[in-house]
Every structure is written in structure tokens, then in C-alpha cells.
């Protein structure tokens, strides 16, 4: 299934300071599907986009073959289990 194209002007956008202040709330929103989140760069550098893992892979599946995705997810799982 193809996701709709991203319209940067309609994304939930925060400043780096707002992201830092509301980190827990915003990352939970990302984890539960309210993504992507745009973090506006105020210094003229590139903005950042925060995606949930599944949304990222659904949108950009052509970047990573399924074997590579499985490898990445296994590495993340191993890291989480080691904490």
C-alpha cells in the first residue's frame, strides 16, 4: 500500500526546544502512528522528520530489501534486550 505524499506544510511541526520540552509526549505520538513529526530547524539547516519505524519502512521500503529490514529489526531487538 502506498502512503500519500508528504506535505511539509501540513505536518505537525515543532521547534527543537519544543521537541526537547515535550520529548516523551511527541515520541509516544510518533510510536502510536501520529507521524511524521517535523522538527523545524531555526538556524537555516535542514528540518528533521521523525517517523515511526513501521511508517518509515512502509514509505521507504525500496531503500531496504526485506532481508536488510529483518537484520535492522533484529539488531534493535538485541539492543533493547541488552538494556
PDB file of N, CA and C in Angstrom:
ATOM      1  N   UNK A   1       0.847  -1.183   0.000  1.00  0.00           N
ATOM      2  CA  UNK A   1       0.000   0.000   0.000  1.00  0.00           C
ATOM      3  C   UNK A   1       0.887   1.240   0.000  1.00  0.00           C
ATOM      4  N   UNK A   2       0.616   2.157  -0.875  1.00  0.00           N
ATOM      5  CA  UNK A   2       1.401   3.385  -0.978  1.00  0.00           C
ATOM      6  C   UNK A   2       0.784   4.455  -0.083  1.00  0.00           C
ATOM      7  N   UNK A   3       1.620   5.072   0.722  1.00  0.00           N
ATOM      8  CA  UNK A   3       1.183   6.173   1.575  1.00  0.00           C
ATOM      9  C   UNK A   3       1.035   7.435   0.728  1.00  0.00           C
ATOM     10  N   UNK A   4       0.207   8.367   1.204  1.00  0.00           N
ATOM     11  CA  UNK A   4       0.092   9.630   0.484  1.00  0.00           C
ATOM     12  C   UNK A   4       1.409  10.394   0.570  1.00  0.00           C
ATOM     13  N   UNK A   5       1.611  11.290  -0.369  1.00  0.00           N
ATOM     14  CA  UNK A   5       2.838  12.085  -0.368  1.00  0.00           C
ATOM     15  C   UNK A   5       2.853  13.018   0.832  1.00  0.00           C
ATOM     16  N   UNK A   6       4.053  13.304   1.288  1.00  0.00           N
ATOM     17  CA  UNK A   6       4.205  14.191   2.435  1.00  0.00           C
ATOM     18  C   UNK A   6       4.050  15.640   2.004  1.00  0.00           C
ATOM     19  N   UNK A   7       3.252  16.377   2.743  1.00  0.00           N
ATOM     20  CA  UNK A   7       3.114  17.811   2.544  1.00  0.00           C
ATOM     21  C   UNK A   7       3.706  18.459   3.786  1.00  0.00           C
ATOM     22  N   UNK A   8       4.914  18.972   3.667  1.00  0.00           N
ATOM     23  CA  UNK A   8       5.610  19.519   4.828  1.00  0.00           C
ATOM     24  C   UNK A   8       4.837  20.633   5.516  1.00  0.00           C
ATOM     25  N   UNK A   9       4.047  21.357   4.762  1.00  0.00           N
ATOM     26  CA  UNK A   9       3.313  22.484   5.352  1.00  0.00           C
ATOM     27  C   UNK A   9       2.166  22.039   6.258  1.00  0.00           C
ATOM     28  N   UNK A  10       1.708  20.803   6.126  1.00  0.00           N
ATOM     29  CA  UNK A  10       0.587  20.344   6.945  1.00  0.00           C
ATOM     30  C   UNK A  10       1.015  19.436   8.093  1.00  0.00           C
ATOM     31  N   UNK A  11       2.307  19.109   8.167  1.00  0.00           N
ATOM     32  CA  UNK A  11       2.788  18.233   9.242  1.00  0.00           C
ATOM     33  C   UNK A  11       2.778  18.942  10.582  1.00  0.00           C
ATOM     34  N   UNK A  12       2.576  18.161  11.641  1.00  0.00           N
ATOM     35  CA  UNK A  12       2.729  18.691  12.992  1.00  0.00           C
ATOM     36  C   UNK A  12       4.187  19.134  13.113  1.00  0.00           C
ATOM     37  N   UNK A  13       4.410  20.403  13.364  1.00  0.00           N
ATOM     38  CA  UNK A  13       5.757  20.975  13.357  1.00  0.00           C
ATOM     39  C   UNK A  13       6.071  21.587  14.711  1.00  0.00           C
ATOM     40  N   UNK A  14       7.271  21.295  15.200  1.00  0.00           N
ATOM     41  CA  UNK A  14       7.731  21.852  16.469  1.00  0.00           C
ATOM     42  C   UNK A  14       9.142  22.393  16.280  1.00  0.00           C
ATOM     43  N   UNK A  15       9.549  23.248  17.191  1.00  0.00           N
ATOM     44  CA  UNK A  15      10.933  23.724  17.201  1.00  0.00           C
ATOM     45  C   UNK A  15      11.769  22.706  17.977  1.00  0.00           C
ATOM     46  N   UNK A  16      13.085  22.758  17.844  1.00  0.00           N
ATOM     47  CA  UNK A  16      13.918  21.863  18.654  1.00  0.00           C
ATOM     48  C   UNK A  16      13.668  22.033  20.157  1.00  0.00           C
ATOM     49  N   UNK A  17      13.424  23.238  20.589  1.00  0.00           N
ATOM     50  CA  UNK A  17      13.152  23.489  22.004  1.00  0.00           C
ATOM     51  C   UNK A  17      11.842  22.839  22.431  1.00  0.00           C
ATOM     52  N   UNK A  18      10.804  22.962  21.593  1.00  0.00           N
ATOM     53  CA  UNK A  18       9.520  22.326  21.908  1.00  0.00           C
ATOM     54  C   UNK A  18       9.663  20.808  21.927  1.00  0.00           C
ATOM     55  N   UNK A  19      10.444  20.287  20.986  1.00  0.00           N
ATOM     56  CA  UNK A  19      10.663  18.843  20.956  1.00  0.00           C
ATOM     57  C   UNK A  19      11.345  18.386  22.238  1.00  0.00           C
ATOM     58  N   UNK A  20      12.342  19.128  22.679  1.00  0.00           N
ATOM     59  CA  UNK A  20      13.056  18.778  23.903  1.00  0.00           C
ATOM     60  C   UNK A  20      12.123  18.863  25.118  1.00  0.00           C
ATOM     61  N   UNK A  21      11.322  19.909  25.189  1.00  0.00           N
ATOM     62  CA  UNK A  21      10.418  20.101  26.332  1.00  0.00           C
ATOM     63  C   UNK A  21       9.332  19.031  26.397  1.00  0.00           C
ATOM     64  N   UNK A  22       8.872  18.576  25.244  1.00  0.00           N
ATOM     65  CA  UNK A  22       7.753  17.629  25.184  1.00  0.00           C
ATOM     66  C   UNK A  22       8.175  16.288  24.586  1.00  0.00           C
ATOM     67  N   UNK A  23       9.435  15.920  24.800  1.00  0.00           N
ATOM     68  CA  UNK A  23      10.021  14.727  24.187  1.00  0.00           C
ATOM     69  C   UNK A  23       9.170  13.475  24.397  1.00  0.00           C
ATOM     70  N   UNK A  24       8.785  13.196  25.635  1.00  0.00           N
ATOM     71  CA  UNK A  24       8.040  11.968  25.921  1.00  0.00           C
ATOM     72  C   UNK A  24       6.707  11.924  25.185  1.00  0.00           C
ATOM     73  N   UNK A  25       5.981  13.025  25.196  1.00  0.00           N
ATOM     74  CA  UNK A  25       4.679  13.081  24.528  1.00  0.00           C
ATOM     75  C   UNK A  25       4.841  12.931  23.018  1.00  0.00           C
ATOM     76  N   UNK A  26       5.795  13.654  22.443  1.00  0.00           N
ATOM     77  CA  UNK A  26       5.966  13.629  20.994  1.00  0.00           C
ATOM     78  C   UNK A  26       6.486  12.290  20.494  1.00  0.00           C
ATOM     79  N   UNK A  27       7.395  11.673  21.220  1.00  0.00           N
ATOM     80  CA  UNK A  27       7.879  10.361  20.776  1.00  0.00           C
ATOM     81  C   UNK A  27       6.793   9.304  20.935  1.00  0.00           C
ATOM     82  N   UNK A  28       5.960   9.424  21.949  1.00  0.00           N
ATOM     83  CA  UNK A  28       4.834   8.480  22.085  1.00  0.00           C
ATOM     84  C   UNK A  28       3.838   8.673  20.943  1.00  0.00           C
ATOM     85  N   UNK A  29       3.587   9.923  20.555  1.00  0.00           N
ATOM     86  CA  UNK A  29       2.716  10.173  19.404  1.00  0.00           C
ATOM     87  C   UNK A  29       3.297   9.516  18.157  1.00  0.00           C
ATOM     88  N   UNK A  30       4.596   9.633  17.975  1.00  0.00           N
ATOM     89  CA  UNK A  30       5.238   9.011  16.807  1.00  0.00           C
ATOM     90  C   UNK A  30       5.098   7.496  16.866  1.00  0.00           C
ATOM     91  N   UNK A  31       5.314   6.926  18.042  1.00  0.00           N
ATOM     92  CA  UNK A  31       5.221   5.467  18.183  1.00  0.00           C
ATOM     93  C   UNK A  31       3.813   4.957  17.908  1.00  0.00           C
ATOM     94  N   UNK A  32       2.810   5.763  18.201  1.00  0.00           N
ATOM     95  CA  UNK A  32       1.429   5.318  18.044  1.00  0.00           C
ATOM     96  C   UNK A  32       0.806   5.753  16.721  1.00  0.00           C
ATOM     97  N   UNK A  33       1.628   6.248  15.809  1.00  0.00           N
ATOM     98  CA  UNK A  33       1.132   6.497  14.460  1.00  0.00           C
ATOM     99  C   UNK A  33       0.857   7.927  14.080  1.00  0.00           C
ATOM    100  N   UNK A  34       1.052   8.887  14.962  1.00  0.00           N
ATOM    101  CA  UNK A  34       0.852  10.294  14.614  1.00  0.00           C
ATOM    102  C   UNK A  34       2.150  10.824  14.032  1.00  0.00           C
ATOM    103  N   UNK A  35       2.438  10.402  12.798  1.00  0.00           N
ATOM    104  CA  UNK A  35       3.731  10.701  12.180  1.00  0.00           C
ATOM    105  C   UNK A  35       3.548  11.118  10.743  1.00  0.00           C
ATOM    106  N   UNK A  36       4.522  11.666  10.120  1.00  0.00           N
ATOM    107  CA  UNK A  36       5.770  12.073  10.749  1.00  0.00           C
ATOM    108  C   UNK A  36       5.621  13.399  11.477  1.00  0.00           C
ATOM    109  N   UNK A  37       6.582  13.664  12.297  1.00  0.00           N
ATOM    110  CA  UNK A  37       6.669  14.919  13.031  1.00  0.00           C
ATOM    111  C   UNK A  37       7.804  15.715  12.409  1.00  0.00           C
ATOM    112  N   UNK A  38       7.557  16.966  12.147  1.00  0.00           N
ATOM    113  CA  UNK A  38       8.580  17.842  11.563  1.00  0.00           C
ATOM    114  C   UNK A  38       9.200  18.679  12.668  1.00  0.00           C
ATOM    115  N   UNK A  39      10.517  18.616  12.771  1.00  0.00           N
ATOM    116  CA  UNK A  39      11.247  19.422  13.745  1.00  0.00           C
ATOM    117  C   UNK A  39      11.932  20.527  12.951  1.00  0.00           C
ATOM    118  N   UNK A  40      11.420  21.727  13.104  1.00  0.00           N
ATOM    119  CA  UNK A  40      11.841  22.881  12.306  1.00  0.00           C
ATOM    120  C   UNK A  40      13.220  23.364  12.738  1.00  0.00           C
ATOM    121  N   UNK A  41      14.123  23.438  11.793  1.00  0.00           N
ATOM    122  CA  UNK A  41      15.456  23.978  12.066  1.00  0.00           C
ATOM    123  C   UNK A  41      15.362  25.496  12.035  1.00  0.00           C
ATOM    124  N   UNK A  42      15.825  26.115  13.083  1.00  0.00           N
ATOM    125  CA  UNK A  42      15.745  27.574  13.162  1.00  0.00           C
ATOM    126  C   UNK A  42      17.030  28.249  12.714  1.00  0.00           C
ATOM    127  N   UNK A  43      18.054  27.449  12.419  1.00  0.00           N
ATOM    128  CA  UNK A  43      19.348  28.019  12.041  1.00  0.00           C
ATOM    129  C   UNK A  43      19.603  27.950  10.540  1.00  0.00           C
ATOM    130  N   UNK A  44      18.575  27.642   9.774  1.00  0.00           N
ATOM    131  CA  UNK A  44      18.733  27.569   8.328  1.00  0.00           C
ATOM    132  C   UNK A  44      19.175  26.213   7.816  1.00  0.00           C
ATOM    133  N   UNK A  45      19.485  25.292   8.714  1.00  0.00           N
ATOM    134  CA  UNK A  45      19.856  23.949   8.270  1.00  0.00           C
ATOM    135  C   UNK A  45      18.589  23.169   7.922  1.00  0.00           C
ATOM    136  N   UNK A  46      18.745  21.944   7.502  1.00  0.00           N
ATOM    137  CA  UNK A  46      17.600  21.129   7.093  1.00  0.00           C
ATOM    138  C   UNK A  46      16.714  20.782   8.278  1.00  0.00           C
ATOM    139  N   UNK A  47      15.393  20.769   8.033  1.00  0.00           N
ATOM    140  CA  UNK A  47      14.458  20.298   9.042  1.00  0.00           C
ATOM    141  C   UNK A  47      14.652  18.793   9.216  1.00  0.00           C
ATOM    142  N   UNK A  48      14.166  18.272  10.335  1.00  0.00           N
ATOM    143  CA  UNK A  48      14.222  16.844  10.613  1.00  0.00           C
ATOM    144  C   UNK A  48      12.812  16.277  10.590  1.00  0.00           C
ATOM    145  N   UNK A  49      12.685  15.029  10.180  1.00  0.00           N
ATOM    146  CA  UNK A  49      11.409  14.332  10.229  1.00  0.00           C
ATOM    147  C   UNK A  49      11.549  13.131  11.139  1.00  0.00           C
ATOM    148  N   UNK A  50      10.591  12.956  12.051  1.00  0.00           N
ATOM    149  CA  UNK A  50      10.580  11.816  12.952  1.00  0.00           C
ATOM    150  C   UNK A  50       9.461  10.886  12.508  1.00  0.00           C
ATOM    151  N   UNK A  51       9.835   9.667  12.147  1.00  0.00           N
ATOM    152  CA  UNK A  51       8.889   8.651  11.710  1.00  0.00           C
ATOM    153  C   UNK A  51       8.856   7.510  12.718  1.00  0.00           C
ATOM    154  N   UNK A  52       7.715   6.853  12.824  1.00  0.00           N
ATOM    155  CA  UNK A  52       7.677   5.559  13.497  1.00  0.00           C
ATOM    156  C   UNK A  52       8.334   4.562  12.556  1.00  0.00           C
ATOM    157  N   UNK A  53       8.945   3.538  13.125  1.00  0.00           N
ATOM    158  CA  UNK A  53       9.656   2.513  12.349  1.00  0.00           C
ATOM    159  C   UNK A  53       8.798   1.964  11.230  1.00  0.00           C
ATOM    160  N   UNK A  54       7.601   1.495  11.562  1.00  0.00           N
ATOM    161  CA  UNK A  54       6.737   0.872  10.553  1.00  0.00           C
ATOM    162  C   UNK A  54       6.356   1.857   9.454  1.00  0.00           C
ATOM    163  N   UNK A  55       6.066   3.086   9.826  1.00  0.00           N
ATOM    164  CA  UNK A  55       5.706   4.090   8.828  1.00  0.00           C
ATOM    165  C   UNK A  55       6.892   4.386   7.914  1.00  0.00           C
ATOM    166  N   UNK A  56       8.083   4.495   8.494  1.00  0.00           N
ATOM    167  CA  UNK A  56       9.284   4.739   7.699  1.00  0.00           C
ATOM    168  C   UNK A  56       9.477   3.624   6.668  1.00  0.00           C
ATOM    169  N   UNK A  57       9.420   2.380   7.125  1.00  0.00           N
ATOM    170  CA  UNK A  57       9.644   1.266   6.207  1.00  0.00           C
ATOM    171  C   UNK A  57       8.528   1.134   5.180  1.00  0.00           C
ATOM    172  N   UNK A  58       7.313   1.494   5.558  1.00  0.00           N
ATOM    173  CA  UNK A  58       6.221   1.446   4.588  1.00  0.00           C
ATOM    174  C   UNK A  58       6.419   2.507   3.500  1.00  0.00           C
ATOM    175  N   UNK A  59       6.820   3.678   3.906  1.00  0.00           N
ATOM    176  CA  UNK A  59       7.021   4.762   2.941  1.00  0.00           C
ATOM    177  C   UNK A  59       8.281   4.570   2.090  1.00  0.00           C
ATOM    178  N   UNK A  60       9.329   4.043   2.692  1.00  0.00           N
ATOM    179  CA  UNK A  60      10.628   3.972   2.022  1.00  0.00           C
ATOM    180  C   UNK A  60      11.125   2.532   1.887  1.00  0.00           C
ATOM    181  N   UNK A  61      10.211   1.625   1.662  1.00  0.00           N
ATOM    182  CA  UNK A  61      10.557   0.203   1.590  1.00  0.00           C
ATOM    183  C   UNK A  61      11.572  -0.110   0.504  1.00  0.00           C
ATOM    184  N   UNK A  62      11.618   0.713  -0.544  1.00  0.00           N
ATOM    185  CA  UNK A  62      12.560   0.424  -1.625  1.00  0.00           C
ATOM    186  C   UNK A  62      14.014   0.686  -1.227  1.00  0.00           C
ATOM    187  N   UNK A  63      14.237   1.399  -0.135  1.00  0.00           N
ATOM    188  CA  UNK A  63      15.602   1.675   0.322  1.00  0.00           C
ATOM    189  C   UNK A  63      16.236   0.411   0.901  1.00  0.00           C
ATOM    190  N   UNK A  64      15.455  -0.349   1.655  1.00  0.00           N
ATOM    191  CA  UNK A  64      15.973  -1.544   2.316  1.00  0.00           C
ATOM    192  C   UNK A  64      15.227  -2.786   1.833  1.00  0.00           C
ATOM    193  N   UNK A  65      15.940  -3.771   1.305  1.00  0.00           N
ATOM    194  CA  UNK A  65      15.276  -5.031   0.970  1.00  0.00           C
ATOM    195  C   UNK A  65      14.768  -5.697   2.260  1.00  0.00           C
ATOM    196  N   UNK A  66      13.826  -6.590   2.143  1.00  0.00           N
ATOM    197  CA  UNK A  66      13.212  -7.200   3.327  1.00  0.00           C
ATOM    198  C   UNK A  66      14.244  -7.890   4.222  1.00  0.00           C
ATOM    199  N   UNK A  67      15.299  -8.462   3.628  1.00  0.00           N
ATOM    200  CA  UNK A  67      16.341  -9.107   4.441  1.00  0.00           C
ATOM    201  C   UNK A  67      17.067  -8.079   5.307  1.00  0.00           C
ATOM    202  N   UNK A  68      17.333  -6.905   4.735  1.00  0.00           N
ATOM    203  CA  UNK A  68      18.027  -5.849   5.482  1.00  0.00           C
ATOM    204  C   UNK A  68      17.132  -5.314   6.599  1.00  0.00           C
ATOM    205  N   UNK A  69      15.841  -5.169   6.320  1.00  0.00           N
ATOM    206  CA  UNK A  69      14.917  -4.711   7.353  1.00  0.00           C
ATOM    207  C   UNK A  69      14.900  -5.704   8.508  1.00  0.00           C
ATOM    208  N   UNK A  70      14.855  -7.003   8.195  1.00  0.00           N
ATOM    209  CA  UNK A  70      14.870  -8.025   9.243  1.00  0.00           C
ATOM    210  C   UNK A  70      16.153  -7.941  10.063  1.00  0.00           C
ATOM    211  N   UNK A  71      17.268  -7.687   9.397  1.00  0.00           N
ATOM    212  CA  UNK A  71      18.552  -7.547  10.088  1.00  0.00           C
ATOM    213  C   UNK A  71      18.537  -6.336  11.021  1.00  0.00           C
ATOM    214  N   UNK A  72      18.002  -5.221  10.550  1.00  0.00           N
ATOM    215  CA  UNK A  72      17.921  -3.999  11.362  1.00  0.00           C
ATOM    216  C   UNK A  72      17.022  -4.231  12.572  1.00  0.00           C
ATOM    217  N   UNK A  73      15.860  -4.845  12.345  1.00  0.00           N
ATOM    218  CA  UNK A  73      14.924  -5.084  13.446  1.00  0.00           C
ATOM    219  C   UNK A  73      15.510  -6.054  14.469  1.00  0.00           C
ATOM    220  N   UNK A  74      16.261  -7.062  14.011  1.00  0.00           N
ATOM    221  CA  UNK A  74      16.902  -7.999  14.932  1.00  0.00           C
ATOM    222  C   UNK A  74      17.956  -7.278  15.773  1.00  0.00           C
ATOM    223  N   UNK A  75      18.712  -6.389  15.157  1.00  0.00           N
ATOM    224  CA  UNK A  75      19.721  -5.619  15.890  1.00  0.00           C
ATOM    225  C   UNK A  75      19.057  -4.717  16.926  1.00  0.00           C
ATOM    226  N   UNK A  76      17.951  -4.102  16.575  1.00  0.00           N
ATOM    227  CA  UNK A  76      17.224  -3.248  17.531  1.00  0.00           C
ATOM    228  C   UNK A  76      16.693  -4.081  18.693  1.00  0.00           C
ATOM    229  N   UNK A  77      16.145  -5.245  18.381  1.00  0.00           N
ATOM    230  CA  UNK A  77      15.626  -6.133  19.422  1.00  0.00           C
ATOM    231  C   UNK A  77      16.749  -6.564  20.363  1.00  0.00           C
ATOM    232  N   UNK A  78      17.893  -6.931  19.803  1.00  0.00           N
ATOM    233  CA  UNK A  78      19.039  -7.350  20.630  1.00  0.00           C
ATOM    234  C   UNK A  78      19.497  -6.196  21.515  1.00  0.00           C
ATOM    235  N   UNK A  79      19.514  -4.980  20.972  1.00  0.00           N
ATOM    236  CA  UNK A  79      19.899  -3.822  21.765  1.00  0.00           C
ATOM    237  C   UNK A  79      18.924  -3.603  22.906  1.00  0.00           C
ATOM    238  N   UNK A  80      17.619  -3.662  22.613  1.00  0.00           N
ATOM    239  CA  UNK A  80      16.600  -3.465  23.656  1.00  0.00           C
ATOM    240  C   UNK A  80      16.707  -4.513  24.748  1.00  0.00           C
ATOM    241  N   UNK A  81      17.006  -5.735  24.361  1.00  0.00           N
ATOM    242  CA  UNK A  81      17.127  -6.810  25.351  1.00  0.00           C
ATOM    243  C   UNK A  81      18.370  -6.674  26.204  1.00  0.00           C
ATOM    244  N   UNK A  82      19.387  -5.998  25.700  1.00  0.00           N
ATOM    245  CA  UNK A  82      20.634  -5.835  26.453  1.00  0.00           C
ATOM    246  C   UNK A  82      20.566  -4.710  27.475  1.00  0.00           C
ATOM    247  N   UNK A  83      19.550  -3.866  27.379  1.00  0.00           N
ATOM    248  CA  UNK A  83      19.436  -2.744  28.324  1.00  0.00           C
ATOM    249  C   UNK A  83      18.954  -3.178  29.670  1.00  0.00           C
TER     250      UNK A  83
END
